[in-house]
N, C-alpha and C. Protein backbone atom coordinates (compact mmCIF):
# COMPACT_ATOMS: atom_id res chain seq x y z
N MET A 1 152.83 124.27 136.74
CA MET A 1 152.83 124.34 137.71
C MET A 1 152.78 125.57 139.09
N ARG A 2 151.83 125.81 139.33
CA ARG A 2 152.55 126.44 140.65
C ARG A 2 153.34 125.97 141.42
N GLN A 3 153.87 128.07 141.99
CA GLN A 3 155.14 127.74 142.84
C GLN A 3 154.75 127.49 144.87
N ASP A 4 153.35 127.92 144.45
CA ASP A 4 152.99 127.77 146.30
C ASP A 4 153.42 126.29 146.81
N GLU A 5 153.31 126.35 147.78
CA GLU A 5 153.25 124.98 148.75
C GLU A 5 151.77 124.31 148.68
N GLY A 6 152.11 123.03 148.83
CA GLY A 6 150.36 122.64 149.02
C GLY A 6 150.35 121.46 147.48
N SER A 7 149.72 121.18 147.87
CA SER A 7 148.86 120.04 146.97
C SER A 7 148.05 121.42 145.28
N PRO A 8 148.68 120.25 144.23
CA PRO A 8 148.68 120.45 143.05
C PRO A 8 147.02 121.08 142.95
N THR A 9 146.14 121.99 142.17
CA THR A 9 144.69 121.78 141.46
C THR A 9 144.56 120.90 140.70
N VAL A 10 143.17 120.32 140.88
CA VAL A 10 142.64 119.24 139.02
C VAL A 10 142.09 119.41 138.79
N TYR A 11 141.74 118.94 137.85
CA TYR A 11 139.96 118.90 137.05
C TYR A 11 140.28 117.79 136.37
N ALA A 12 139.43 116.82 136.09
CA ALA A 12 139.37 116.27 135.69
C ALA A 12 137.43 115.70 134.87
N ASP A 13 137.32 115.42 133.55
CA ASP A 13 135.79 115.18 133.18
C ASP A 13 135.60 114.12 133.28
N ASN A 14 134.04 113.59 133.19
CA ASN A 14 133.74 112.64 133.38
C ASN A 14 134.45 111.13 133.19
N ASN A 15 135.13 110.91 131.06
CA ASN A 15 136.06 110.35 131.12
C ASN A 15 137.69 110.21 131.10
N SER A 16 138.15 111.10 131.72
CA SER A 16 139.43 111.00 132.46
C SER A 16 139.89 110.99 133.39
N VAL A 17 141.10 110.97 134.05
CA VAL A 17 141.66 110.63 135.22
C VAL A 17 143.02 111.36 135.47
N VAL A 18 142.98 112.14 136.58
CA VAL A 18 144.72 113.10 137.16
C VAL A 18 144.69 112.04 138.04
N SER A 19 146.18 111.35 138.02
CA SER A 19 146.84 110.70 139.32
C SER A 19 147.59 111.65 140.25
N ASN A 20 147.68 111.78 141.15
CA ASN A 20 148.55 112.39 141.97
C ASN A 20 149.46 111.66 143.35
N ARG A 21 149.49 110.93 143.33
CA ARG A 21 149.79 110.20 144.40
C ARG A 21 151.51 110.60 145.05
N GLU A 22 151.49 110.49 146.00
CA GLU A 22 153.14 109.86 146.75
C GLU A 22 153.22 108.62 147.15
N ILE A 23 154.60 108.51 146.62
CA ILE A 23 154.41 106.73 147.43
C ILE A 23 156.34 106.88 147.84
N SER A 24 156.18 106.64 149.28
CA SER A 24 157.96 106.80 149.02
C SER A 24 157.92 105.67 150.19
N ASN A 25 159.41 106.12 150.93
CA ASN A 25 159.57 104.96 151.97
C ASN A 25 158.99 103.69 151.70
N VAL A 26 159.25 102.91 151.22
CA VAL A 26 158.79 101.42 150.62
C VAL A 26 159.56 100.52 150.26
N LYS A 27 159.59 99.54 150.96
CA LYS A 27 160.56 98.27 150.34
C LYS A 27 159.67 97.24 150.38
N GLU A 28 158.99 96.65 149.17
CA GLU A 28 158.54 95.58 149.17
C GLU A 28 159.05 94.77 147.76
N LYS A 29 158.30 93.39 148.05
CA LYS A 29 158.22 92.09 146.89
C LYS A 29 158.33 92.69 145.01
N SER A 30 157.20 93.39 145.12
CA SER A 30 156.83 94.20 144.71
C SER A 30 155.75 95.21 144.51
N LEU A 31 155.66 95.54 143.58
CA LEU A 31 154.91 97.36 143.41
C LEU A 31 153.79 96.78 142.07
N SER A 32 152.53 97.47 142.56
CA SER A 32 151.32 96.74 141.45
C SER A 32 150.40 98.61 141.61
N TYR A 33 150.78 99.66 140.56
CA TYR A 33 149.86 101.00 140.99
C TYR A 33 149.32 100.31 139.42
N LYS A 34 148.25 100.45 139.27
CA LYS A 34 147.15 100.46 138.31
C LYS A 34 146.39 101.18 138.57
N ILE A 35 146.16 101.37 136.69
CA ILE A 35 144.82 103.52 136.91
C ILE A 35 143.99 102.28 135.75
N GLU A 36 142.66 102.16 136.31
CA GLU A 36 142.01 100.86 134.94
C GLU A 36 140.46 102.51 135.22
N MET A 37 139.84 102.63 133.74
CA MET A 37 139.06 103.83 133.46
C MET A 37 137.86 102.48 132.50
N GLU A 38 136.47 103.09 133.21
CA GLU A 38 135.90 103.13 132.49
C GLU A 38 134.78 104.04 131.60
N SER A 39 135.62 104.04 130.43
CA SER A 39 135.24 105.04 129.69
C SER A 39 133.42 105.20 129.04
N ASP A 40 132.67 106.17 129.04
CA ASP A 40 131.63 106.04 128.10
C ASP A 40 131.64 106.85 127.01
N PRO A 41 131.61 106.24 125.87
CA PRO A 41 131.67 106.84 124.74
C PRO A 41 130.46 108.05 124.01
N GLY A 42 128.86 108.03 125.66
CA GLY A 42 128.04 108.93 125.30
C GLY A 42 128.18 109.99 125.48
N SER A 43 128.88 110.13 126.38
CA SER A 43 129.49 111.34 127.31
C SER A 43 130.30 112.47 127.06
N SER A 44 131.29 112.04 126.16
CA SER A 44 132.13 113.12 125.42
C SER A 44 131.37 114.21 125.20
N GLN A 45 132.41 115.96 124.95
CA GLN A 45 132.07 116.37 124.63
C GLN A 45 132.35 116.61 123.21
N THR A 46 131.32 117.55 122.15
CA THR A 46 132.22 117.96 121.03
C THR A 46 131.86 119.20 121.09
N GLY A 47 132.67 119.90 119.86
CA GLY A 47 132.25 121.39 119.23
C GLY A 47 132.14 122.36 120.84
N SER A 48 130.79 123.21 120.86
CA SER A 48 130.71 123.71 121.68
C SER A 48 130.39 123.85 122.42
N ALA A 49 130.42 122.38 122.72
CA ALA A 49 129.76 122.08 124.29
C ALA A 49 130.91 121.94 125.11
N VAL A 50 132.42 121.89 124.86
CA VAL A 50 133.22 122.05 125.37
C VAL A 50 133.78 123.15 126.36
N GLY A 51 133.17 124.21 125.85
CA GLY A 51 133.43 125.37 127.06
C GLY A 51 135.10 125.41 127.57
N GLN A 52 135.02 126.80 128.19
CA GLN A 52 136.02 127.09 128.62
C GLN A 52 135.99 126.26 129.86
N LEU A 53 137.62 125.62 130.35
CA LEU A 53 137.27 124.63 131.51
C LEU A 53 138.12 126.20 132.72
N PRO A 54 138.26 125.03 134.19
CA PRO A 54 138.63 125.58 135.06
C PRO A 54 140.22 125.87 134.66
N ARG A 55 140.51 126.62 135.98
CA ARG A 55 142.57 126.93 135.91
C ARG A 55 142.99 125.86 137.27
N ALA A 56 143.05 125.38 136.41
CA ALA A 56 143.57 124.43 137.44
C ALA A 56 145.40 123.80 136.98
N ASP A 57 145.89 122.84 138.04
CA ASP A 57 147.64 122.63 137.21
C ASP A 57 147.33 121.94 136.44
N TYR A 58 146.68 120.84 136.53
CA TYR A 58 146.39 119.52 135.87
C TYR A 58 145.35 119.61 135.55
N ILE A 59 144.87 119.58 134.14
CA ILE A 59 143.26 119.24 134.10
C ILE A 59 143.93 117.78 132.80
N ALA A 60 142.28 117.29 132.69
CA ALA A 60 142.53 115.80 131.65
C ALA A 60 141.24 116.41 130.79
N VAL A 61 141.09 116.41 130.46
CA VAL A 61 139.42 116.17 129.19
C VAL A 61 139.98 114.90 127.82
N GLY A 62 138.63 114.65 127.90
CA GLY A 62 138.96 113.63 126.84
C GLY A 62 139.24 112.31 126.43
N ALA A 63 139.12 111.82 127.93
CA ALA A 63 139.43 109.77 128.03
C ALA A 63 140.65 110.08 128.05
N SER A 64 141.94 110.92 129.01
CA SER A 64 143.02 111.47 128.88
C SER A 64 143.00 111.12 130.59
N VAL A 65 144.25 110.74 130.34
CA VAL A 65 145.15 110.34 132.00
C VAL A 65 146.11 111.24 131.79
N ILE A 66 146.26 111.67 133.29
CA ILE A 66 147.53 112.15 133.59
C ILE A 66 147.96 111.89 134.72
N CYS A 67 149.37 110.99 135.45
CA CYS A 67 149.85 110.90 135.77
C CYS A 67 151.34 111.63 136.42
N ALA A 68 150.57 112.19 137.24
CA ALA A 68 151.63 113.16 138.61
C ALA A 68 152.26 112.70 139.81
N ASP A 69 152.25 111.49 139.88
CA ASP A 69 152.79 110.75 141.44
C ASP A 69 154.15 110.99 141.19
N LYS A 70 154.36 110.75 142.37
CA LYS A 70 155.53 111.02 142.83
C LYS A 70 156.62 109.53 143.76
N ILE A 71 157.53 109.10 143.23
CA ILE A 71 157.85 107.97 143.65
C ILE A 71 159.48 107.88 144.18
N SER A 72 159.25 107.72 145.48
CA SER A 72 160.59 108.22 146.28
C SER A 72 161.00 107.27 147.73
N ASP A 73 162.61 107.12 147.23
CA ASP A 73 162.89 105.57 148.15
C ASP A 73 161.35 104.92 148.64
N VAL A 74 162.51 103.96 147.24
CA VAL A 74 161.35 102.72 146.82
C VAL A 74 162.50 101.89 147.13
N THR A 75 162.36 100.82 147.18
CA THR A 75 163.03 99.38 146.96
C THR A 75 162.07 98.43 146.31
N ILE A 76 162.67 98.14 145.43
CA ILE A 76 161.54 96.49 144.62
C ILE A 76 162.08 95.66 144.45
N ASP A 77 162.40 94.30 145.00
CA ASP A 77 162.82 92.94 145.00
C ASP A 77 162.13 92.33 143.48
N GLY A 78 161.31 92.23 142.83
CA GLY A 78 160.38 91.48 141.71
C GLY A 78 159.91 92.88 141.24
N ASP A 79 158.59 92.32 140.66
CA ASP A 79 157.46 92.83 139.26
C ASP A 79 157.40 94.44 139.95
N ILE A 80 157.49 94.91 139.14
CA ILE A 80 156.88 96.11 139.15
C ILE A 80 155.31 96.47 137.97
N ASP A 81 154.04 96.89 137.91
CA ASP A 81 153.67 97.44 136.86
C ASP A 81 152.74 98.86 137.70
N LEU A 82 153.02 99.13 136.42
CA LEU A 82 152.55 101.18 136.50
C LEU A 82 152.11 101.17 135.43
N SER A 83 150.73 100.00 135.45
CA SER A 83 149.96 100.35 134.06
C SER A 83 148.06 101.05 133.99
N VAL A 84 147.89 101.55 132.58
CA VAL A 84 146.64 102.53 132.43
C VAL A 84 145.90 101.47 131.98
N THR A 85 144.91 100.99 132.50
CA THR A 85 143.99 100.63 131.13
C THR A 85 142.67 101.45 131.11
N MET A 86 141.89 101.68 129.47
CA MET A 86 140.73 101.93 129.64
C MET A 86 139.98 101.08 128.87
N LYS A 87 138.22 100.38 128.80
CA LYS A 87 137.60 99.71 128.50
C LYS A 87 136.32 101.05 128.18
N ARG A 88 135.83 100.58 127.47
CA ARG A 88 134.64 101.32 126.87
C ARG A 88 133.59 100.22 127.67
N SER A 89 132.64 101.63 128.51
CA SER A 89 131.49 101.12 129.19
C SER A 89 130.58 100.19 127.76
N GLN A 90 129.96 99.20 128.46
CA GLN A 90 129.05 98.39 128.15
C GLN A 90 127.04 98.65 128.43
N VAL A 91 127.47 100.06 129.72
CA VAL A 91 125.98 100.20 130.52
C VAL A 91 124.95 101.20 128.66
N GLY A 92 123.96 100.08 129.13
CA GLY A 92 123.17 100.49 127.82
C GLY A 92 122.98 100.01 126.32
N ALA A 93 124.25 99.13 126.35
CA ALA A 93 124.14 98.15 125.16
C ALA A 93 122.98 97.29 126.07
N GLY A 94 122.81 97.04 124.46
CA GLY A 94 121.37 96.10 124.32
C GLY A 94 119.67 96.68 124.97
N THR A 95 119.92 97.43 126.03
CA THR A 95 118.44 97.78 126.10
C THR A 95 117.73 98.59 125.14
N GLY A 96 118.23 98.68 123.78
CA GLY A 96 116.83 99.50 122.92
C GLY A 96 117.40 101.96 123.65
N ASP A 97 118.10 101.53 124.31
CA ASP A 97 117.88 103.40 124.58
C ASP A 97 118.91 103.89 124.41
N GLU A 98 120.13 103.65 124.29
CA GLU A 98 121.13 103.98 124.08
C GLU A 98 121.76 103.43 122.19
N ALA A 99 121.35 101.98 122.70
CA ALA A 99 121.86 100.93 121.13
C ALA A 99 121.40 101.68 119.45
N GLN A 100 120.20 102.71 119.89
CA GLN A 100 119.14 102.96 118.62
C GLN A 100 120.16 104.46 118.41
N PRO A 101 119.97 104.45 117.07
CA PRO A 101 119.91 106.00 116.80
C PRO A 101 119.55 107.06 117.69
N SER A 102 119.62 107.92 118.12
CA SER A 102 119.13 108.88 118.71
C SER A 102 118.15 109.89 118.39
N SER A 103 117.75 109.39 116.35
CA SER A 103 116.80 110.52 116.27
C SER A 103 115.72 109.59 116.04
N GLN A 104 115.90 107.89 116.48
CA GLN A 104 114.70 106.60 116.83
C GLN A 104 113.64 106.94 118.00
N GLY A 105 114.12 107.77 118.92
CA GLY A 105 113.93 107.87 120.03
C GLY A 105 112.69 109.26 120.29
N PRO A 106 111.18 108.84 120.42
CA PRO A 106 110.08 109.55 120.59
C PRO A 106 110.89 111.47 121.66
N THR A 107 111.11 111.23 122.17
CA THR A 107 111.39 112.24 123.32
C THR A 107 112.21 113.11 122.65
N VAL A 108 112.99 112.07 122.05
CA VAL A 108 114.95 112.46 121.12
C VAL A 108 114.14 113.27 120.51
N LYS A 109 113.54 112.90 119.31
CA LYS A 109 112.84 114.38 118.61
C LYS A 109 111.70 115.45 118.79
N VAL A 110 111.26 114.66 119.93
CA VAL A 110 110.83 116.56 119.93
C VAL A 110 111.78 116.98 120.00
N ILE A 111 112.15 116.51 120.92
CA ILE A 111 113.01 118.01 122.10
C ILE A 111 114.32 118.43 120.83
N THR A 112 114.12 117.69 119.60
CA THR A 112 115.39 118.25 118.66
C THR A 112 114.39 118.79 117.80
N GLU A 113 113.35 118.66 117.13
CA GLU A 113 112.58 119.68 116.97
C GLU A 113 112.11 121.15 117.05
N HIS A 114 111.63 121.17 118.81
CA HIS A 114 111.44 122.34 119.43
C HIS A 114 113.03 122.56 120.51
N LYS A 115 114.28 122.09 119.43
CA LYS A 115 115.09 123.30 119.87
C LYS A 115 115.41 124.44 120.41
N VAL A 116 114.92 125.01 119.57
CA VAL A 116 115.06 126.55 118.66
C VAL A 116 114.24 127.21 120.10
N GLU A 117 112.69 126.98 119.79
CA GLU A 117 111.52 127.50 121.07
C GLU A 117 112.06 127.03 122.26
N LEU A 118 112.81 125.96 122.44
CA LEU A 118 113.85 125.57 123.43
C LEU A 118 114.56 126.43 124.11
N ILE A 119 115.53 126.76 123.24
CA ILE A 119 117.01 127.78 123.62
C ILE A 119 116.32 129.15 123.71
N GLU A 120 115.08 129.93 123.01
CA GLU A 120 114.68 131.21 123.24
C GLU A 120 113.92 131.33 124.26
N CYS A 121 113.58 130.22 124.80
CA CYS A 121 112.39 130.76 126.20
C CYS A 121 112.87 130.14 127.65
N LEU A 122 114.23 129.22 127.30
CA LEU A 122 115.52 128.78 128.42
C LEU A 122 116.54 130.15 128.17
N ARG A 123 117.41 130.17 127.70
CA ARG A 123 118.44 131.80 127.38
C ARG A 123 118.25 132.38 128.81
N ALA A 124 117.79 132.78 128.92
CA ALA A 124 117.45 133.99 130.19
C ALA A 124 118.30 133.88 131.36
N ASP A 125 118.60 132.72 132.06
CA ASP A 125 119.89 132.75 132.82
C ASP A 125 120.32 131.32 133.05
N ARG A 126 120.50 130.43 134.08
CA ARG A 126 121.32 128.91 134.28
C ARG A 126 120.45 128.10 135.14
N PHE A 127 119.07 128.51 135.89
CA PHE A 127 118.64 128.28 136.36
C PHE A 127 118.06 126.23 135.79
N ILE A 128 117.76 126.66 134.50
CA ILE A 128 117.15 124.95 133.46
C ILE A 128 118.94 123.60 134.27
N LEU A 129 119.79 124.43 133.93
CA LEU A 129 121.21 123.50 134.36
C LEU A 129 121.01 123.34 135.30
N GLN A 130 121.04 124.14 135.95
CA GLN A 130 120.84 123.70 138.37
C GLN A 130 119.53 123.05 138.14
N CYS A 131 118.66 122.57 137.50
CA CYS A 131 117.32 121.61 138.09
C CYS A 131 118.26 119.77 137.70
N ALA A 132 118.84 120.58 136.06
CA ALA A 132 119.18 119.13 135.30
C ALA A 132 120.12 118.51 136.33
N HIS A 133 120.65 119.26 136.68
CA HIS A 133 122.41 118.61 137.43
C HIS A 133 121.06 118.29 139.16
N ALA A 134 120.53 118.59 139.65
CA ALA A 134 120.01 118.30 140.85
C ALA A 134 119.24 116.85 140.45
N LYS A 135 119.16 116.95 139.29
CA LYS A 135 117.79 115.21 138.48
C LYS A 135 119.43 114.57 138.25
N ASP A 136 120.84 114.46 138.03
CA ASP A 136 122.10 113.75 137.25
C ASP A 136 121.26 113.57 136.09
N ILE A 137 120.16 114.57 135.55
CA ILE A 137 120.52 114.10 133.95
C ILE A 137 122.23 114.68 133.29
N VAL A 138 122.43 115.50 134.41
CA VAL A 138 124.32 115.34 133.43
C VAL A 138 124.83 115.35 134.02
N THR A 139 126.57 114.06 134.02
CA THR A 139 127.38 114.14 134.86
C THR A 139 128.00 115.65 135.21
N LYS A 140 128.71 114.88 136.51
CA LYS A 140 129.50 116.05 136.92
C LYS A 140 130.56 117.23 136.19
N GLY A 141 131.27 116.47 135.05
CA GLY A 141 131.85 116.90 133.74
C GLY A 141 130.88 117.67 133.82
N GLN A 142 130.15 117.09 132.34
CA GLN A 142 128.74 118.39 132.04
C GLN A 142 128.68 119.34 132.84
N TYR A 143 128.47 118.80 133.72
CA TYR A 143 127.56 119.91 134.70
C TYR A 143 128.91 121.10 134.98
N TRP A 144 129.62 120.88 134.74
CA TRP A 144 131.27 122.43 135.17
C TRP A 144 131.53 122.32 133.74
N LYS A 145 131.60 122.01 132.65
CA LYS A 145 131.95 122.66 131.30
C LYS A 145 130.51 123.40 130.40
N LEU A 146 128.94 122.57 131.16
CA LEU A 146 127.89 123.88 130.57
C LEU A 146 128.23 125.11 131.54
N LYS A 147 128.12 125.00 133.08
CA LYS A 147 128.53 126.00 134.02
C LYS A 147 129.45 126.69 133.45
N ASN A 148 130.90 126.46 133.18
CA ASN A 148 132.27 127.70 132.60
C ASN A 148 131.40 128.39 131.51
N ILE A 149 130.66 128.19 130.79
CA ILE A 149 130.65 129.15 129.90
C ILE A 149 129.97 130.22 129.82
N SER A 150 130.01 130.98 129.26
CA SER A 150 129.84 132.35 129.81
C SER A 150 128.13 132.77 129.46
N GLN A 151 128.45 132.82 128.41
CA GLN A 151 127.32 132.82 127.65
C GLN A 151 125.42 131.82 127.92
N PRO A 152 124.78 132.32 129.32
CA PRO A 152 123.60 131.80 129.22
C PRO A 152 122.81 130.53 128.13
N GLU A 153 122.59 131.87 126.62
CA GLU A 153 122.55 130.62 125.58
C GLU A 153 123.10 130.06 124.90
N GLU A 154 124.63 130.46 124.97
CA GLU A 154 125.34 129.15 124.48
C GLU A 154 125.23 127.65 125.35
N MET A 155 125.00 128.59 127.05
CA MET A 155 124.82 127.57 128.09
C MET A 155 123.81 126.34 127.44
N VAL A 156 122.60 127.08 127.17
CA VAL A 156 121.41 126.31 126.82
C VAL A 156 121.28 125.83 126.09
N THR A 157 122.14 125.84 124.79
CA THR A 157 122.30 125.37 123.23
C THR A 157 122.54 124.27 123.63
N ASP A 158 124.19 124.16 124.41
CA ASP A 158 125.13 122.95 124.63
C ASP A 158 124.07 122.23 125.41
N LEU A 159 123.36 122.31 125.99
CA LEU A 159 122.93 121.23 127.16
C LEU A 159 121.87 120.84 127.35
N ILE A 160 121.50 121.19 125.30
CA ILE A 160 120.24 120.38 124.89
C ILE A 160 120.62 119.63 123.96
N ASP A 161 121.33 120.08 123.44
CA ASP A 161 122.75 119.47 123.09
C ASP A 161 123.14 117.98 123.13
N GLN A 162 123.38 118.45 124.78
CA GLN A 162 124.01 116.74 125.48
C GLN A 162 122.78 115.46 126.06
N MET A 163 121.69 116.51 125.88
CA MET A 163 120.62 115.65 126.40
C MET A 163 120.51 115.03 124.78
N ILE A 164 119.96 116.06 123.43
CA ILE A 164 119.97 115.09 122.51
C ILE A 164 121.14 113.67 122.33
N LEU A 165 122.29 114.11 122.74
CA LEU A 165 123.65 113.12 122.70
C LEU A 165 123.28 111.88 123.29
N ASN A 166 123.08 112.25 124.39
CA ASN A 166 123.00 111.40 125.22
C ASN A 166 121.59 110.04 125.26
N GLY A 167 120.92 110.92 124.35
CA GLY A 167 120.06 110.25 123.99
C GLY A 167 118.08 109.67 124.27
N GLN A 168 117.93 109.19 124.77
CA GLN A 168 116.48 109.07 125.13
C GLN A 168 115.51 109.18 126.79
N LYS A 169 116.65 108.35 127.14
CA LYS A 169 116.48 108.49 128.67
C LYS A 169 117.17 109.59 129.20
N SER A 170 118.09 110.18 128.73
CA SER A 170 118.91 111.98 129.26
C SER A 170 117.46 112.47 128.64
N CYS A 171 116.45 112.77 127.39
CA CYS A 171 115.51 113.35 126.82
C CYS A 171 114.29 113.36 127.36
N SER A 172 114.11 111.95 128.13
CA SER A 172 112.81 112.24 128.87
C SER A 172 112.97 112.90 130.45
N LEU A 173 114.68 112.54 130.81
CA LEU A 173 114.67 112.67 131.66
C LEU A 173 114.03 114.22 132.03
N PHE A 174 114.67 115.01 130.93
CA PHE A 174 114.42 115.99 130.43
C PHE A 174 113.33 117.06 130.19
N LEU A 175 112.41 116.22 130.04
CA LEU A 175 111.12 116.64 129.68
C LEU A 175 110.78 116.50 130.82
N GLU A 176 111.03 116.11 131.35
CA GLU A 176 110.45 115.62 133.08
C GLU A 176 110.38 116.70 133.64
N VAL A 177 111.23 117.16 133.92
CA VAL A 177 112.81 118.63 134.15
C VAL A 177 111.49 119.84 133.94
N LEU A 178 111.44 120.25 132.66
CA LEU A 178 110.94 121.18 131.82
C LEU A 178 109.25 121.20 132.78
N LYS A 179 108.43 119.88 132.89
CA LYS A 179 107.14 119.79 133.04
C LYS A 179 106.79 120.72 134.98
N GLU A 180 108.57 121.05 135.69
CA GLU A 180 108.38 120.34 137.29
C GLU A 180 107.87 122.63 137.47
N PRO A 181 106.60 122.61 138.23
CA PRO A 181 106.11 123.32 138.93
C PRO A 181 106.94 124.83 139.09
N GLU A 182 107.87 124.83 139.39
CA GLU A 182 109.55 125.34 139.55
C GLU A 182 109.78 126.14 138.02
N VAL A 183 110.06 124.87 137.37
CA VAL A 183 109.99 125.36 136.02
C VAL A 183 109.87 126.35 135.49
N LEU A 184 108.59 125.60 134.93
CA LEU A 184 107.41 126.02 134.91
C LEU A 184 106.98 127.61 135.40
N LYS A 185 107.50 128.16 136.36
CA LYS A 185 106.91 129.22 137.38
C LYS A 185 108.62 130.53 136.84
N THR A 186 109.72 129.92 136.53
CA THR A 186 110.71 130.47 136.32
C THR A 186 110.43 130.96 134.90
N TYR A 187 109.75 130.03 134.20
CA TYR A 187 110.22 129.81 132.44
C TYR A 187 108.56 129.97 131.77
N PRO A 188 107.55 130.76 132.32
CA PRO A 188 106.40 130.95 132.39
C PRO A 188 105.54 130.54 130.48
N GLN A 189 106.66 130.65 129.51
CA GLN A 189 106.54 130.66 128.21
C GLN A 189 106.61 129.03 128.06
N LEU A 190 106.80 128.70 128.81
CA LEU A 190 107.39 126.84 128.46
C LEU A 190 106.16 126.26 128.50
N ASP A 191 105.45 126.85 129.30
CA ASP A 191 104.03 125.72 129.75
C ASP A 191 102.97 126.06 128.37
N GLN A 192 103.24 127.12 127.71
CA GLN A 192 102.51 127.09 126.30
C GLN A 192 103.07 125.60 125.52
N ILE A 193 104.65 126.18 125.13
CA ILE A 193 106.01 124.95 124.12
C ILE A 193 104.84 123.70 124.74
N ILE A 194 105.75 123.39 126.33
CA ILE A 194 105.26 121.99 126.30
C ILE A 194 103.98 121.49 125.88
N ARG A 195 102.88 122.20 126.08
CA ARG A 195 100.90 121.70 125.71
C ARG A 195 100.88 121.66 124.57
N GLN A 196 102.00 121.96 123.36
CA GLN A 196 102.06 121.58 122.42
C GLN A 196 102.93 120.29 121.63
N TRP A 197 103.43 120.05 123.05
CA TRP A 197 103.73 118.71 122.63
C TRP A 197 103.11 117.29 122.99
N CYS A 198 102.76 117.95 123.79
CA CYS A 198 101.62 116.76 125.09
C CYS A 198 100.13 115.61 124.39
């Protein structure tokens, strides 16, 4: 924990929560302070995709909860509920996109088969990450994890792995980003690679 005054710094990935509230001078019949989370199992990071975490006083990753709340001068005459509940997300269930094994989606297959070529082409810099983030193909948590990877080649590899892990919809959106004029101008070899697929 930092020694200076002020609020502590906090980092939480897309499946985690850091609660840092101050509750003071309260006199009530009951106190209910619940944390309810919905976890998206398809967006968790594995292996080298995690990268380096930013420096912070509280770091919550991997569907975790940190409660750093301060409660003082509180008088409660009845019930107190300080509960944490986590549910798995049902988004995408039954849509046919994420419900299928990722190897069955045609765009996932194309990205997977040409992964090495894509890494070779996109590894020069971080522009592709900025494009993917601008189009909301990666979550805020995924973006920060990828951005904190020091080697562009490793970052590109992890970005492509994340697209494959996320499934057909993410791979289709990523393919559309790869076809954008700005991206093709930045990575001229990409045009020839994409022509082989389409």
